[in-house]
Amino acid sequence: MLMQSKAQKINIPEDLAKVINGIIEIEDKIDQDKEHFFVIGVDNRNAIQYIDLVSLGTIDAAFAEPRETFRLAVMKGVKSILICHNHISNECEPSEDDLSITLRLIKAGKILGIELLDHVILCKNKNKLFSFSREGLINENGGKQ
């Protein structure tokens, strides 16, 4: 699934949550209860250039590798990406797998010259989210800055 929307700017994680939750809400109920892994390509002003559903997973996992995550970013020549996935529960804290894939994507982005700005985890409670950037977890070591 590829969606186009160039009007929306992402200034804070809540902006991204609103866009992604809106997409998930219009899906079939069966798919709403699965984890989604989205890549959002943005320009130098953080305006959305594309939204790509890279993985539609199961009730507790959505898998994404660097090649799928950056494929469209390279093709479209975006400066930066954001990644966003949802947890089906009300628990927004990242798992070890979430931390691991984020570190891999940061490193892959450095090689490609495409910065990973944030990884946002959404949960069933739409008022809660987890932002790797806000928590100081977006750096090449994957740890607190």
N, C-alpha and C. Protein backbone atom coordinates (compact mmCIF):
# COMPACT_ATOMS: atom_id res chain seq x y z
N MET A 1 0.84 -1.17 0.00
CA MET A 1 0.00 0.00 0.00
C MET A 1 0.89 1.24 0.00
N LEU A 2 0.69 2.11 -0.92
CA LEU A 2 1.43 3.35 -1.02
C LEU A 2 0.42 4.48 -1.04
N MET A 3 0.63 5.45 -0.17
CA MET A 3 -0.29 6.58 -0.12
C MET A 3 0.49 7.87 -0.36
N GLN A 4 -0.13 8.81 -1.00
CA GLN A 4 0.49 10.09 -1.28
C GLN A 4 -0.22 11.19 -0.48
N SER A 5 0.53 12.06 0.15
CA SER A 5 -0.03 13.22 0.85
C SER A 5 1.11 14.21 1.05
N LYS A 6 1.12 15.28 0.28
CA LYS A 6 2.23 16.23 0.37
C LYS A 6 1.89 17.46 1.21
N ALA A 7 0.67 17.58 1.69
CA ALA A 7 0.28 18.78 2.42
C ALA A 7 0.65 18.70 3.89
N GLN A 8 0.64 17.53 4.46
CA GLN A 8 0.83 17.35 5.90
C GLN A 8 2.30 17.44 6.28
N LYS A 9 2.60 18.25 7.30
CA LYS A 9 3.94 18.31 7.87
C LYS A 9 3.96 17.57 9.19
N ILE A 10 5.09 16.94 9.47
CA ILE A 10 5.27 16.21 10.72
C ILE A 10 6.27 16.99 11.57
N ASN A 11 5.75 17.71 12.56
CA ASN A 11 6.61 18.50 13.44
C ASN A 11 6.87 17.82 14.78
N ILE A 12 5.90 17.04 15.24
CA ILE A 12 6.02 16.33 16.51
C ILE A 12 5.46 14.92 16.32
N PRO A 13 5.82 13.98 17.20
CA PRO A 13 5.32 12.61 17.06
C PRO A 13 3.79 12.51 17.01
N GLU A 14 3.10 13.39 17.70
CA GLU A 14 1.64 13.37 17.69
C GLU A 14 1.08 13.65 16.30
N ASP A 15 1.78 14.47 15.50
CA ASP A 15 1.36 14.70 14.11
C ASP A 15 1.38 13.40 13.32
N LEU A 16 2.46 12.66 13.50
CA LEU A 16 2.60 11.38 12.81
C LEU A 16 1.53 10.39 13.29
N ALA A 17 1.29 10.36 14.59
CA ALA A 17 0.29 9.45 15.15
C ALA A 17 -1.09 9.73 14.55
N LYS A 18 -1.43 10.99 14.40
CA LYS A 18 -2.74 11.35 13.84
C LYS A 18 -2.88 10.82 12.41
N VAL A 19 -1.85 10.98 11.60
CA VAL A 19 -1.89 10.53 10.21
C VAL A 19 -2.00 9.00 10.15
N ILE A 20 -1.14 8.31 10.87
CA ILE A 20 -1.11 6.84 10.80
C ILE A 20 -2.37 6.23 11.42
N ASN A 21 -2.82 6.75 12.55
CA ASN A 21 -4.06 6.25 13.14
C ASN A 21 -5.24 6.44 12.18
N GLY A 22 -5.23 7.54 11.44
CA GLY A 22 -6.28 7.78 10.44
C GLY A 22 -6.28 6.74 9.34
N ILE A 23 -5.10 6.32 8.93
CA ILE A 23 -4.99 5.28 7.90
C ILE A 23 -5.50 3.95 8.44
N ILE A 24 -5.05 3.59 9.63
CA ILE A 24 -5.44 2.30 10.22
C ILE A 24 -6.95 2.25 10.46
N GLU A 25 -7.55 3.37 10.86
CA GLU A 25 -8.98 3.40 11.16
C GLU A 25 -9.86 3.10 9.95
N ILE A 26 -9.39 3.36 8.74
CA ILE A 26 -10.21 3.11 7.56
C ILE A 26 -9.99 1.71 6.97
N GLU A 27 -9.11 0.94 7.60
CA GLU A 27 -8.87 -0.42 7.14
C GLU A 27 -9.97 -1.37 7.61
N ASP A 28 -9.98 -2.54 7.00
CA ASP A 28 -10.85 -3.61 7.43
C ASP A 28 -10.55 -3.95 8.90
N LYS A 29 -11.57 -4.27 9.67
CA LYS A 29 -11.39 -4.56 11.10
C LYS A 29 -10.36 -5.66 11.34
N ILE A 30 -10.32 -6.67 10.50
CA ILE A 30 -9.35 -7.76 10.66
C ILE A 30 -7.93 -7.22 10.58
N ASP A 31 -7.67 -6.33 9.64
CA ASP A 31 -6.32 -5.76 9.50
C ASP A 31 -6.01 -4.76 10.61
N GLN A 32 -7.01 -4.10 11.16
CA GLN A 32 -6.78 -3.16 12.25
C GLN A 32 -6.17 -3.85 13.46
N ASP A 33 -6.44 -5.13 13.61
CA ASP A 33 -5.95 -5.89 14.75
C ASP A 33 -4.62 -6.57 14.48
N LYS A 34 -3.86 -6.06 13.52
CA LYS A 34 -2.53 -6.56 13.20
C LYS A 34 -1.54 -5.41 13.34
N GLU A 35 -0.29 -5.77 13.60
CA GLU A 35 0.74 -4.74 13.64
C GLU A 35 1.05 -4.27 12.22
N HIS A 36 1.26 -2.98 12.09
CA HIS A 36 1.61 -2.33 10.83
C HIS A 36 2.97 -1.68 10.99
N PHE A 37 3.78 -1.71 9.94
CA PHE A 37 5.07 -1.02 9.95
C PHE A 37 5.08 -0.07 8.75
N PHE A 38 5.01 1.23 9.04
CA PHE A 38 4.96 2.26 8.02
C PHE A 38 6.29 2.99 7.91
N VAL A 39 6.62 3.40 6.70
CA VAL A 39 7.74 4.29 6.45
C VAL A 39 7.16 5.56 5.83
N ILE A 40 7.56 6.69 6.38
CA ILE A 40 7.07 7.97 5.91
C ILE A 40 8.27 8.76 5.41
N GLY A 41 8.29 9.06 4.13
CA GLY A 41 9.36 9.85 3.55
C GLY A 41 9.00 11.32 3.64
N VAL A 42 9.95 12.14 4.09
CA VAL A 42 9.70 13.57 4.24
C VAL A 42 10.79 14.38 3.54
N ASP A 43 10.42 15.60 3.19
CA ASP A 43 11.41 16.50 2.57
C ASP A 43 12.14 17.27 3.66
N ASN A 44 12.93 18.28 3.25
CA ASN A 44 13.74 19.02 4.23
C ASN A 44 12.91 19.89 5.17
N ARG A 45 11.61 20.03 4.91
CA ARG A 45 10.72 20.77 5.81
C ARG A 45 9.78 19.83 6.57
N ASN A 46 10.08 18.55 6.51
CA ASN A 46 9.27 17.51 7.17
C ASN A 46 7.86 17.39 6.61
N ALA A 47 7.69 17.79 5.36
CA ALA A 47 6.40 17.58 4.68
C ALA A 47 6.40 16.16 4.11
N ILE A 48 5.29 15.47 4.30
CA ILE A 48 5.19 14.09 3.83
C ILE A 48 5.27 14.03 2.31
N GLN A 49 6.15 13.17 1.82
CA GLN A 49 6.28 12.91 0.39
C GLN A 49 5.60 11.60 0.02
N TYR A 50 5.61 10.65 0.93
CA TYR A 50 4.90 9.39 0.73
C TYR A 50 4.74 8.67 2.06
N ILE A 51 3.78 7.77 2.09
CA ILE A 51 3.59 6.86 3.22
C ILE A 51 3.52 5.46 2.62
N ASP A 52 4.38 4.58 3.11
CA ASP A 52 4.47 3.23 2.57
C ASP A 52 4.24 2.22 3.69
N LEU A 53 3.24 1.36 3.52
CA LEU A 53 3.04 0.26 4.46
C LEU A 53 4.00 -0.84 4.05
N VAL A 54 5.09 -0.96 4.78
CA VAL A 54 6.15 -1.91 4.44
C VAL A 54 5.78 -3.31 4.90
N SER A 55 5.08 -3.41 6.03
CA SER A 55 4.75 -4.73 6.56
C SER A 55 3.42 -4.69 7.30
N LEU A 56 2.56 -5.63 6.96
CA LEU A 56 1.34 -5.88 7.72
C LEU A 56 1.55 -7.23 8.38
N GLY A 57 1.69 -7.21 9.69
CA GLY A 57 2.13 -8.41 10.41
C GLY A 57 1.01 -9.19 11.06
N THR A 58 1.31 -9.66 12.24
CA THR A 58 0.38 -10.47 13.03
C THR A 58 -0.10 -9.64 14.21
N ILE A 59 -0.72 -10.28 15.17
CA ILE A 59 -1.20 -9.53 16.33
C ILE A 59 -0.08 -9.06 17.24
N ASP A 60 1.14 -9.60 17.05
CA ASP A 60 2.23 -9.18 17.93
C ASP A 60 3.56 -8.95 17.23
N ALA A 61 3.55 -8.84 15.91
CA ALA A 61 4.81 -8.58 15.22
C ALA A 61 4.56 -8.08 13.80
N ALA A 62 5.41 -7.16 13.38
CA ALA A 62 5.46 -6.70 11.98
C ALA A 62 6.93 -6.57 11.65
N PHE A 63 7.36 -7.27 10.63
CA PHE A 63 8.78 -7.34 10.32
C PHE A 63 9.16 -6.39 9.20
N ALA A 64 10.32 -5.76 9.34
CA ALA A 64 10.83 -4.87 8.30
C ALA A 64 12.35 -4.94 8.30
N GLU A 65 12.89 -5.05 7.14
CA GLU A 65 14.33 -5.07 6.96
C GLU A 65 14.75 -3.75 6.31
N PRO A 66 16.02 -3.39 6.41
CA PRO A 66 16.47 -2.15 5.78
C PRO A 66 16.16 -2.06 4.29
N ARG A 67 16.28 -3.15 3.55
CA ARG A 67 16.04 -3.07 2.10
C ARG A 67 14.61 -2.64 1.78
N GLU A 68 13.61 -3.14 2.53
CA GLU A 68 12.23 -2.73 2.30
C GLU A 68 11.98 -1.33 2.84
N THR A 69 12.59 -1.02 3.96
CA THR A 69 12.37 0.27 4.59
C THR A 69 12.89 1.43 3.73
N PHE A 70 14.04 1.25 3.11
CA PHE A 70 14.66 2.34 2.35
C PHE A 70 14.43 2.28 0.85
N ARG A 71 13.78 1.22 0.36
CA ARG A 71 13.59 1.05 -1.09
C ARG A 71 12.93 2.28 -1.71
N LEU A 72 11.79 2.68 -1.21
CA LEU A 72 11.08 3.82 -1.79
C LEU A 72 11.78 5.14 -1.47
N ALA A 73 12.42 5.22 -0.33
CA ALA A 73 13.16 6.44 0.03
C ALA A 73 14.27 6.71 -0.99
N VAL A 74 14.95 5.66 -1.41
CA VAL A 74 16.01 5.81 -2.41
C VAL A 74 15.39 6.18 -3.76
N MET A 75 14.33 5.49 -4.14
CA MET A 75 13.69 5.75 -5.44
C MET A 75 13.16 7.18 -5.54
N LYS A 76 12.59 7.68 -4.45
CA LYS A 76 11.99 9.02 -4.47
C LYS A 76 12.98 10.11 -4.07
N GLY A 77 14.16 9.72 -3.60
CA GLY A 77 15.19 10.69 -3.27
C GLY A 77 14.86 11.59 -2.09
N VAL A 78 14.20 11.03 -1.07
CA VAL A 78 13.87 11.86 0.09
C VAL A 78 15.09 12.06 0.98
N LYS A 79 15.05 13.13 1.75
CA LYS A 79 16.15 13.48 2.65
C LYS A 79 16.13 12.65 3.92
N SER A 80 14.92 12.38 4.42
CA SER A 80 14.77 11.71 5.72
C SER A 80 13.53 10.83 5.71
N ILE A 81 13.52 9.90 6.68
CA ILE A 81 12.33 9.08 6.88
C ILE A 81 11.96 9.05 8.36
N LEU A 82 10.72 8.73 8.59
CA LEU A 82 10.21 8.40 9.92
C LEU A 82 9.65 7.00 9.79
N ILE A 83 9.75 6.22 10.85
CA ILE A 83 9.09 4.93 10.84
C ILE A 83 8.09 4.90 11.98
N CYS A 84 7.04 4.15 11.77
CA CYS A 84 5.97 4.10 12.75
C CYS A 84 5.36 2.71 12.71
N HIS A 85 5.20 2.12 13.88
CA HIS A 85 4.45 0.88 13.93
C HIS A 85 3.54 0.90 15.15
N ASN A 86 2.56 0.03 15.10
CA ASN A 86 1.59 0.00 16.19
C ASN A 86 1.72 -1.28 16.99
N HIS A 87 1.43 -1.15 18.27
CA HIS A 87 1.26 -2.30 19.15
C HIS A 87 -0.24 -2.46 19.35
N ILE A 88 -0.71 -3.66 19.29
CA ILE A 88 -2.14 -3.92 19.43
C ILE A 88 -2.61 -3.70 20.87
N SER A 89 -1.70 -3.81 21.81
CA SER A 89 -2.04 -3.62 23.22
C SER A 89 -1.95 -2.14 23.59
N ASN A 90 -2.16 -1.84 24.85
CA ASN A 90 -1.98 -0.48 25.35
C ASN A 90 -0.55 -0.23 25.81
N GLU A 91 0.34 -1.17 25.56
CA GLU A 91 1.75 -1.06 25.95
C GLU A 91 2.54 -0.46 24.78
N CYS A 92 3.06 0.73 24.98
CA CYS A 92 3.82 1.41 23.91
C CYS A 92 5.33 1.25 24.05
N GLU A 93 5.78 0.73 25.17
CA GLU A 93 7.23 0.59 25.36
C GLU A 93 7.83 -0.31 24.29
N PRO A 94 9.01 0.05 23.76
CA PRO A 94 9.63 -0.76 22.71
C PRO A 94 10.13 -2.10 23.23
N SER A 95 10.01 -3.12 22.40
CA SER A 95 10.57 -4.43 22.70
C SER A 95 12.04 -4.44 22.32
N GLU A 96 12.73 -5.50 22.67
CA GLU A 96 14.13 -5.66 22.24
C GLU A 96 14.22 -5.67 20.72
N ASP A 97 13.25 -6.31 20.05
CA ASP A 97 13.23 -6.31 18.58
C ASP A 97 13.04 -4.90 18.03
N ASP A 98 12.20 -4.10 18.67
CA ASP A 98 11.99 -2.71 18.24
C ASP A 98 13.29 -1.92 18.36
N LEU A 99 13.99 -2.10 19.46
CA LEU A 99 15.27 -1.41 19.66
C LEU A 99 16.30 -1.87 18.63
N SER A 100 16.34 -3.16 18.37
CA SER A 100 17.31 -3.73 17.44
C SER A 100 17.09 -3.24 16.01
N ILE A 101 15.85 -3.28 15.54
CA ILE A 101 15.59 -2.86 14.16
C ILE A 101 15.83 -1.36 14.01
N THR A 102 15.55 -0.59 15.05
CA THR A 102 15.80 0.85 14.97
C THR A 102 17.29 1.12 14.80
N LEU A 103 18.11 0.44 15.55
CA LEU A 103 19.56 0.60 15.42
C LEU A 103 20.03 0.21 14.02
N ARG A 104 19.53 -0.90 13.50
CA ARG A 104 19.89 -1.34 12.14
C ARG A 104 19.49 -0.30 11.10
N LEU A 105 18.30 0.29 11.26
CA LEU A 105 17.83 1.28 10.29
C LEU A 105 18.60 2.59 10.39
N ILE A 106 19.01 2.97 11.59
CA ILE A 106 19.85 4.16 11.74
C ILE A 106 21.15 3.96 10.98
N LYS A 107 21.78 2.80 11.17
CA LYS A 107 23.05 2.51 10.50
C LYS A 107 22.88 2.44 8.98
N ALA A 108 21.81 1.79 8.51
CA ALA A 108 21.56 1.70 7.07
C ALA A 108 21.33 3.08 6.48
N GLY A 109 20.58 3.90 7.20
CA GLY A 109 20.31 5.26 6.72
C GLY A 109 21.57 6.09 6.60
N LYS A 110 22.49 5.92 7.54
CA LYS A 110 23.77 6.65 7.47
C LYS A 110 24.54 6.27 6.20
N ILE A 111 24.54 4.98 5.87
CA ILE A 111 25.23 4.52 4.66
C ILE A 111 24.58 5.13 3.42
N LEU A 112 23.24 5.18 3.42
CA LEU A 112 22.50 5.69 2.25
C LEU A 112 22.41 7.21 2.20
N GLY A 113 22.72 7.87 3.29
CA GLY A 113 22.56 9.32 3.35
C GLY A 113 21.12 9.75 3.54
N ILE A 114 20.33 8.88 4.16
CA ILE A 114 18.92 9.17 4.46
C ILE A 114 18.74 9.04 5.96
N GLU A 115 18.47 10.15 6.61
CA GLU A 115 18.40 10.17 8.07
C GLU A 115 17.09 9.59 8.59
N LEU A 116 17.19 8.74 9.60
CA LEU A 116 16.01 8.28 10.33
C LEU A 116 15.74 9.30 11.43
N LEU A 117 14.65 10.05 11.29
CA LEU A 117 14.34 11.11 12.24
C LEU A 117 13.69 10.60 13.52
N ASP A 118 12.84 9.58 13.38
CA ASP A 118 12.14 9.07 14.57
C ASP A 118 11.54 7.71 14.25
N HIS A 119 11.32 6.96 15.29
CA HIS A 119 10.55 5.71 15.25
C HIS A 119 9.48 5.89 16.31
N VAL A 120 8.24 5.91 15.88
CA VAL A 120 7.11 6.14 16.78
C VAL A 120 6.31 4.85 16.90
N ILE A 121 6.03 4.47 18.14
CA ILE A 121 5.20 3.30 18.42
C ILE A 121 3.84 3.80 18.91
N LEU A 122 2.80 3.35 18.25
CA LEU A 122 1.44 3.68 18.64
C LEU A 122 0.84 2.49 19.38
N CYS A 123 -0.11 2.75 20.25
CA CYS A 123 -0.81 1.65 20.92
C CYS A 123 -2.30 1.87 20.82
N LYS A 124 -3.06 0.92 21.32
CA LYS A 124 -4.51 0.97 21.19
C LYS A 124 -5.10 2.26 21.75
N ASN A 125 -4.57 2.71 22.88
CA ASN A 125 -4.97 3.99 23.46
C ASN A 125 -4.36 5.09 22.60
N LYS A 126 -5.16 5.75 21.81
CA LYS A 126 -4.66 6.72 20.83
C LYS A 126 -4.02 7.96 21.46
N ASN A 127 -4.15 8.10 22.78
CA ASN A 127 -3.53 9.22 23.48
C ASN A 127 -2.12 8.90 23.96
N LYS A 128 -1.68 7.65 23.73
CA LYS A 128 -0.34 7.23 24.15
C LYS A 128 0.50 6.91 22.93
N LEU A 129 1.78 7.20 23.04
CA LEU A 129 2.74 6.80 22.01
C LEU A 129 4.12 6.77 22.64
N PHE A 130 5.05 6.17 21.91
CA PHE A 130 6.45 6.17 22.33
C PHE A 130 7.27 6.70 21.17
N SER A 131 8.06 7.73 21.40
CA SER A 131 8.92 8.32 20.38
C SER A 131 10.38 8.05 20.73
N PHE A 132 11.08 7.32 19.86
CA PHE A 132 12.49 7.04 20.09
C PHE A 132 13.28 8.35 20.15
N SER A 133 12.95 9.29 19.29
CA SER A 133 13.65 10.57 19.27
C SER A 133 13.43 11.33 20.57
N ARG A 134 12.20 11.41 21.00
CA ARG A 134 11.87 12.13 22.22
C ARG A 134 12.56 11.52 23.44
N GLU A 135 12.75 10.20 23.40
CA GLU A 135 13.40 9.50 24.51
C GLU A 135 14.92 9.45 24.37
N GLY A 136 15.47 10.11 23.34
CA GLY A 136 16.92 10.14 23.16
C GLY A 136 17.51 8.83 22.64
N LEU A 137 16.70 8.05 21.92
CA LEU A 137 17.16 6.75 21.43
C LEU A 137 17.49 6.74 19.94
N ILE A 138 17.50 7.89 19.31
CA ILE A 138 17.88 7.95 17.90
C ILE A 138 19.31 8.46 17.82
N ASN A 139 20.23 7.51 17.79
CA ASN A 139 21.65 7.81 17.53
C ASN A 139 22.30 6.53 17.03
N GLU A 140 23.51 6.60 16.57
CA GLU A 140 24.14 5.43 15.94
C GLU A 140 24.39 4.29 16.91
N ASN A 141 24.37 4.57 18.21
CA ASN A 141 24.57 3.50 19.20
C ASN A 141 23.26 2.92 19.69
N GLY A 142 22.13 3.54 19.30
CA GLY A 142 20.84 3.05 19.70
C GLY A 142 20.52 3.26 21.17
N GLY A 143 21.31 4.07 21.84
CA GLY A 143 21.11 4.31 23.27
C GLY A 143 20.83 5.76 23.56
N LYS A 144 20.70 6.07 24.82
CA LYS A 144 20.45 7.46 25.23
C LYS A 144 21.59 8.35 24.74
N GLN A 145 21.23 9.53 24.26
CA GLN A 145 22.24 10.48 23.77
C GLN A 145 22.84 11.25 24.92
